[in-house]
Amino acid sequence: MNTVLIGICIFVIVYLFLSWFARTSSKKIATTIKKIAVYFSLILAILFTFAGKYIFSLPFLLVILSGLKIKGLTILQVIQLWRLIQFLKNSGRFSQGQFGQTQGSSSVSNDEAYKLLGLKRGCSKEDVLKAANQLQKKIHPDMNREVKTERLSQLVNEAKEKIIKTDFS
């Protein structure tokens, strides 16, 4: 009996949705779908943010980054940057101080430098320069004027200099 009632309810809801869909203009449908997607994403992101500090905050970060319009970053690169920022925050190198100044030391360790550039030990100097240049093209403050990426750009430069200074001198 309950399955019949649920089936009738689903049928009525689908019928009402399809009749609305047939009567409405495509522009109104598109704006409604966009609104629903944005609201659903925000609600989901807020739920994930409060549900877990590290694991579930990634969807919220992806929603924010898509709104920031950082040019040329793929989802995989965004996830790698997010993991690196979390690592640097936990080590005290990327957190904000009392008056907007960064805490901790400004130098990056060798392991952090390789992680930041997405390289492995034993790579050539050209690979280091190429990886640093590719990252700088995507996150440089001149390329993304509406987003504050100065600190990320500084970290990429520090990582490049650290690897070149320690491994190729």
C-alpha atoms as a PDB file:
ATOM      1  CA  MET A   1       0.000   0.000   0.000  1.00  0.00           C
ATOM      2  CA  ASN A   2       2.797   2.420   0.901  1.00  0.00           C
ATOM      3  CA  THR A   3       4.696   1.742  -2.334  1.00  0.00           C
ATOM      4  CA  VAL A   4       1.557   2.561  -4.355  1.00  0.00           C
ATOM      5  CA  LEU A   5       1.137   5.850  -2.469  1.00  0.00           C
ATOM      6  CA  ILE A   6       4.815   6.736  -2.925  1.00  0.00           C
ATOM      7  CA  GLY A   7       4.575   5.839  -6.629  1.00  0.00           C
ATOM      8  CA  ILE A   8       1.534   8.102  -7.065  1.00  0.00           C
ATOM      9  CA  CYS A   9       3.306  10.962  -5.275  1.00  0.00           C
ATOM     10  CA  ILE A  10       6.390  10.576  -7.473  1.00  0.00           C
ATOM     11  CA  PHE A  11       4.186  10.441 -10.588  1.00  0.00           C
ATOM     12  CA  VAL A  12       2.348  13.639  -9.576  1.00  0.00           C
ATOM     13  CA  ILE A  13       5.601  15.468  -8.832  1.00  0.00           C
ATOM     14  CA  VAL A  14       7.133  14.395 -12.153  1.00  0.00           C
ATOM     15  CA  TYR A  15       3.929  15.366 -13.993  1.00  0.00           C
ATOM     16  CA  LEU A  16       3.886  18.824 -12.378  1.00  0.00           C
ATOM     17  CA  PHE A  17       7.575  19.353 -13.125  1.00  0.00           C
ATOM     18  CA  LEU A  18       7.216  18.300 -16.767  1.00  0.00           C
ATOM     19  CA  SER A  19       4.104  20.450 -17.290  1.00  0.00           C
ATOM     20  CA  TRP A  20       5.949  23.453 -15.825  1.00  0.00           C
ATOM     21  CA  PHE A  21       8.917  22.613 -18.031  1.00  0.00           C
ATOM     22  CA  ALA A  22       6.706  22.557 -21.160  1.00  0.00           C
ATOM     23  CA  ARG A  23       5.049  25.921 -20.399  1.00  0.00           C
ATOM     24  CA  THR A  24       8.137  27.883 -19.365  1.00  0.00           C
ATOM     25  CA  SER A  25      10.646  29.655 -21.616  1.00  0.00           C
ATOM     26  CA  SER A  26      14.142  28.254 -21.945  1.00  0.00           C
ATOM     27  CA  LYS A  27      15.671  31.400 -20.449  1.00  0.00           C
ATOM     28  CA  LYS A  28      13.614  31.053 -17.269  1.00  0.00           C
ATOM     29  CA  ILE A  29      14.461  27.341 -17.064  1.00  0.00           C
ATOM     30  CA  ALA A  30      18.166  28.108 -17.399  1.00  0.00           C
ATOM     31  CA  THR A  31      18.103  30.774 -14.688  1.00  0.00           C
ATOM     32  CA  THR A  32      16.099  28.515 -12.380  1.00  0.00           C
ATOM     33  CA  ILE A  33      18.538  25.638 -12.873  1.00  0.00           C
ATOM     34  CA  LYS A  34      21.486  27.969 -12.232  1.00  0.00           C
ATOM     35  CA  LYS A  35      19.874  29.261  -9.039  1.00  0.00           C
ATOM     36  CA  ILE A  36      19.125  25.739  -7.840  1.00  0.00           C
ATOM     37  CA  ALA A  37      22.710  24.634  -8.587  1.00  0.00           C
ATOM     38  CA  VAL A  38      24.215  27.615  -6.750  1.00  0.00           C
ATOM     39  CA  TYR A  39      21.958  27.247  -3.717  1.00  0.00           C
ATOM     40  CA  PHE A  40      22.485  23.495  -3.594  1.00  0.00           C
ATOM     41  CA  SER A  41      26.273  23.947  -3.864  1.00  0.00           C
ATOM     42  CA  LEU A  42      26.330  26.549  -1.110  1.00  0.00           C
ATOM     43  CA  ILE A  43      24.162  24.462   1.215  1.00  0.00           C
ATOM     44  CA  LEU A  44      26.250  21.378   0.503  1.00  0.00           C
ATOM     45  CA  ALA A  45      29.486  23.315   0.996  1.00  0.00           C
ATOM     46  CA  ILE A  46      28.318  24.764   4.312  1.00  0.00           C
ATOM     47  CA  LEU A  47      27.264  21.316   5.504  1.00  0.00           C
ATOM     48  CA  PHE A  48      30.578  19.795   4.467  1.00  0.00           C
ATOM     49  CA  THR A  49      32.513  22.646   6.058  1.00  0.00           C
ATOM     50  CA  PHE A  50      30.840  22.154   9.413  1.00  0.00           C
ATOM     51  CA  ALA A  51      30.828  18.353   9.114  1.00  0.00           C
ATOM     52  CA  GLY A  52      34.603  17.986   8.953  1.00  0.00           C
ATOM     53  CA  LYS A  53      37.499  20.382   9.255  1.00  0.00           C
ATOM     54  CA  TYR A  54      39.854  18.802   6.720  1.00  0.00           C
ATOM     55  CA  ILE A  55      38.118  16.110   4.739  1.00  0.00           C
ATOM     56  CA  PHE A  56      34.858  17.888   3.987  1.00  0.00           C
ATOM     57  CA  SER A  57      36.151  21.433   3.487  1.00  0.00           C
ATOM     58  CA  LEU A  58      37.470  20.605   0.008  1.00  0.00           C
ATOM     59  CA  PRO A  59      34.070  21.036  -1.722  1.00  0.00           C
ATOM     60  CA  PHE A  60      33.690  24.447  -0.089  1.00  0.00           C
ATOM     61  CA  LEU A  61      37.167  25.388  -1.285  1.00  0.00           C
ATOM     62  CA  LEU A  62      36.346  24.265  -4.828  1.00  0.00           C
ATOM     63  CA  VAL A  63      33.163  26.346  -4.831  1.00  0.00           C
ATOM     64  CA  ILE A  64      35.135  29.364  -3.624  1.00  0.00           C
ATOM     65  CA  LEU A  65      37.948  28.828  -6.149  1.00  0.00           C
ATOM     66  CA  SER A  66      35.502  28.551  -9.024  1.00  0.00           C
ATOM     67  CA  GLY A  67      34.142  31.916  -7.936  1.00  0.00           C
ATOM     68  CA  LEU A  68      37.630  33.434  -7.736  1.00  0.00           C
ATOM     69  CA  LYS A  69      38.274  32.739 -11.425  1.00  0.00           C
ATOM     70  CA  ILE A  70      41.894  31.613 -11.144  1.00  0.00           C
ATOM     71  CA  LYS A  71      42.807  31.063 -14.753  1.00  0.00           C
ATOM     72  CA  GLY A  72      44.152  27.758 -16.011  1.00  0.00           C
ATOM     73  CA  LEU A  73      44.023  25.628 -12.871  1.00  0.00           C
ATOM     74  CA  THR A  74      42.669  22.124 -13.200  1.00  0.00           C
ATOM     75  CA  ILE A  75      40.820  20.391 -10.375  1.00  0.00           C
ATOM     76  CA  LEU A  76      43.876  18.213  -9.711  1.00  0.00           C
ATOM     77  CA  GLN A  77      46.104  21.288  -9.376  1.00  0.00           C
ATOM     78  CA  VAL A  78      43.535  22.949  -7.114  1.00  0.00           C
ATOM     79  CA  ILE A  79      43.513  19.852  -4.889  1.00  0.00           C
ATOM     80  CA  GLN A  80      47.335  19.833  -4.802  1.00  0.00           C
ATOM     81  CA  LEU A  81      47.408  23.533  -3.888  1.00  0.00           C
ATOM     82  CA  TRP A  82      44.784  22.927  -1.199  1.00  0.00           C
ATOM     83  CA  ARG A  83      46.813  20.077   0.301  1.00  0.00           C
ATOM     84  CA  LEU A  84      49.953  22.203   0.232  1.00  0.00           C
ATOM     85  CA  ILE A  85      48.204  25.135   1.907  1.00  0.00           C
ATOM     86  CA  GLN A  86      46.840  22.798   4.593  1.00  0.00           C
ATOM     87  CA  PHE A  87      50.347  21.404   5.148  1.00  0.00           C
ATOM     88  CA  LEU A  88      51.843  24.898   5.370  1.00  0.00           C
ATOM     89  CA  LYS A  89      49.072  26.065   7.713  1.00  0.00           C
ATOM     90  CA  ASN A  90      49.700  23.112  10.006  1.00  0.00           C
ATOM     91  CA  SER A  91      53.418  23.852  10.048  1.00  0.00           C
ATOM     92  CA  GLY A  92      52.735  27.557  10.787  1.00  0.00           C
ATOM     93  CA  ARG A  93      54.196  28.934   7.568  1.00  0.00           C
ATOM     94  CA  PHE A  94      51.035  30.120   5.826  1.00  0.00           C
ATOM     95  CA  SER A  95      48.809  31.280   8.692  1.00  0.00           C
ATOM     96  CA  GLN A  96      48.067  34.951   9.154  1.00  0.00           C
ATOM     97  CA  GLY A  97      49.552  36.814  12.080  1.00  0.00           C
ATOM     98  CA  GLN A  98      47.945  39.412  14.296  1.00  0.00           C
ATOM     99  CA  PHE A  99      48.216  42.295  11.820  1.00  0.00           C
ATOM    100  CA  GLY A 100      48.099  40.415   8.527  1.00  0.00           C
ATOM    101  CA  GLN A 101      51.740  39.354   8.687  1.00  0.00           C
ATOM    102  CA  THR A 102      52.658  35.734   8.201  1.00  0.00           C
ATOM    103  CA  GLN A 103      53.926  33.740  11.138  1.00  0.00           C
ATOM    104  CA  GLY A 104      56.813  31.316  11.151  1.00  0.00           C
ATOM    105  CA  SER A 105      59.835  31.301   8.948  1.00  0.00           C
ATOM    106  CA  SER A 106      59.596  32.412   5.359  1.00  0.00           C
ATOM    107  CA  SER A 107      61.898  29.734   3.995  1.00  0.00           C
ATOM    108  CA  VAL A 108      60.560  26.505   2.579  1.00  0.00           C
ATOM    109  CA  SER A 109      62.208  23.161   3.289  1.00  0.00           C
ATOM    110  CA  ASN A 110      63.494  20.970   0.462  1.00  0.00           C
ATOM    111  CA  ASP A 111      60.635  18.476   0.779  1.00  0.00           C
ATOM    112  CA  GLU A 112      58.066  21.272   0.807  1.00  0.00           C
ATOM    113  CA  ALA A 113      59.704  22.865  -2.231  1.00  0.00           C
ATOM    114  CA  TYR A 114      59.498  19.655  -4.230  1.00  0.00           C
ATOM    115  CA  LYS A 115      55.878  19.148  -3.129  1.00  0.00           C
ATOM    116  CA  LEU A 116      54.968  22.689  -4.082  1.00  0.00           C
ATOM    117  CA  LEU A 117      56.392  22.380  -7.579  1.00  0.00           C
ATOM    118  CA  GLY A 118      55.053  18.854  -8.027  1.00  0.00           C
ATOM    119  CA  LEU A 119      58.498  17.407  -8.687  1.00  0.00           C
ATOM    120  CA  LYS A 120      60.525  14.500  -7.352  1.00  0.00           C
ATOM    121  CA  ARG A 121      64.147  14.501  -6.258  1.00  0.00           C
ATOM    122  CA  GLY A 122      66.615  13.849  -9.043  1.00  0.00           C
ATOM    123  CA  CYS A 123      64.898  16.048 -11.622  1.00  0.00           C
ATOM    124  CA  SER A 124      66.903  18.413 -13.793  1.00  0.00           C
ATOM    125  CA  LYS A 125      67.322  22.142 -13.286  1.00  0.00           C
ATOM    126  CA  GLU A 126      65.271  22.736 -16.455  1.00  0.00           C
ATOM    127  CA  ASP A 127      62.385  20.721 -14.955  1.00  0.00           C
ATOM    128  CA  VAL A 128      62.477  22.903 -11.851  1.00  0.00           C
ATOM    129  CA  LEU A 129      62.464  26.111 -13.879  1.00  0.00           C
ATOM    130  CA  LYS A 130      59.713  24.801 -16.179  1.00  0.00           C
ATOM    131  CA  ALA A 131      57.477  23.730 -13.257  1.00  0.00           C
ATOM    132  CA  ALA A 132      57.990  27.045 -11.460  1.00  0.00           C
ATOM    133  CA  ASN A 133      57.242  29.037 -14.616  1.00  0.00           C
ATOM    134  CA  GLN A 134      54.075  27.039 -15.312  1.00  0.00           C
ATOM    135  CA  LEU A 135      52.808  27.619 -11.780  1.00  0.00           C
ATOM    136  CA  GLN A 136      53.713  31.305 -11.901  1.00  0.00           C
ATOM    137  CA  LYS A 137      51.789  31.743 -15.155  1.00  0.00           C
ATOM    138  CA  LYS A 138      48.681  30.436 -13.414  1.00  0.00           C
ATOM    139  CA  ILE A 139      48.909  32.076  -9.988  1.00  0.00           C
ATOM    140  CA  HIS A 140      50.947  35.233 -10.573  1.00  0.00           C
ATOM    141  CA  PRO A 141      49.222  38.348  -9.167  1.00  0.00           C
ATOM    142  CA  ASP A 142      49.477  40.121 -12.527  1.00  0.00           C
ATOM    143  CA  MET A 143      47.514  37.307 -14.210  1.00  0.00           C
ATOM    144  CA  ASN A 144      44.825  37.173 -11.493  1.00  0.00           C
ATOM    145  CA  ARG A 145      44.210  40.753 -10.466  1.00  0.00           C
ATOM    146  CA  GLU A 146      40.915  40.060  -8.696  1.00  0.00           C
ATOM    147  CA  VAL A 147      42.471  37.360  -6.500  1.00  0.00           C
ATOM    148  CA  LYS A 148      45.179  37.852  -3.890  1.00  0.00           C
ATOM    149  CA  THR A 149      47.795  35.264  -4.859  1.00  0.00           C
ATOM    150  CA  GLU A 150      50.883  37.187  -3.785  1.00  0.00           C
ATOM    151  CA  ARG A 151      51.805  34.760  -1.005  1.00  0.00           C
ATOM    152  CA  LEU A 152      51.394  31.719  -3.255  1.00  0.00           C
ATOM    153  CA  SER A 153      53.588  33.393  -5.847  1.00  0.00           C
ATOM    154  CA  GLN A 154      56.229  34.106  -3.189  1.00  0.00           C
ATOM    155  CA  LEU A 155      56.123  30.473  -2.068  1.00  0.00           C
ATOM    156  CA  VAL A 156      56.685  29.254  -5.631  1.00  0.00           C
ATOM    157  CA  ASN A 157      59.695  31.576  -5.989  1.00  0.00           C
ATOM    158  CA  GLU A 158      61.094  30.458  -2.624  1.00  0.00           C
ATOM    159  CA  ALA A 159      60.657  26.798  -3.586  1.00  0.00           C
ATOM    160  CA  LYS A 160      62.410  27.304  -6.929  1.00  0.00           C
ATOM    161  CA  GLU A 161      65.298  29.162  -5.321  1.00  0.00           C
ATOM    162  CA  LYS A 162      65.631  26.582  -2.534  1.00  0.00           C
ATOM    163  CA  ILE A 163      65.840  23.642  -4.960  1.00  0.00           C
ATOM    164  CA  ILE A 164      68.282  25.402  -7.281  1.00  0.00           C
ATOM    165  CA  LYS A 165      70.439  26.590  -4.362  1.00  0.00           C
ATOM    166  CA  THR A 166      70.613  23.243  -2.550  1.00  0.00           C
ATOM    167  CA  ASP A 167      70.578  20.715  -5.390  1.00  0.00           C
ATOM    168  CA  PHE A 168      72.251  22.477  -8.312  1.00  0.00           C
ATOM    169  CA  SER A 169      74.969  24.643  -6.730  1.00  0.00           C
END
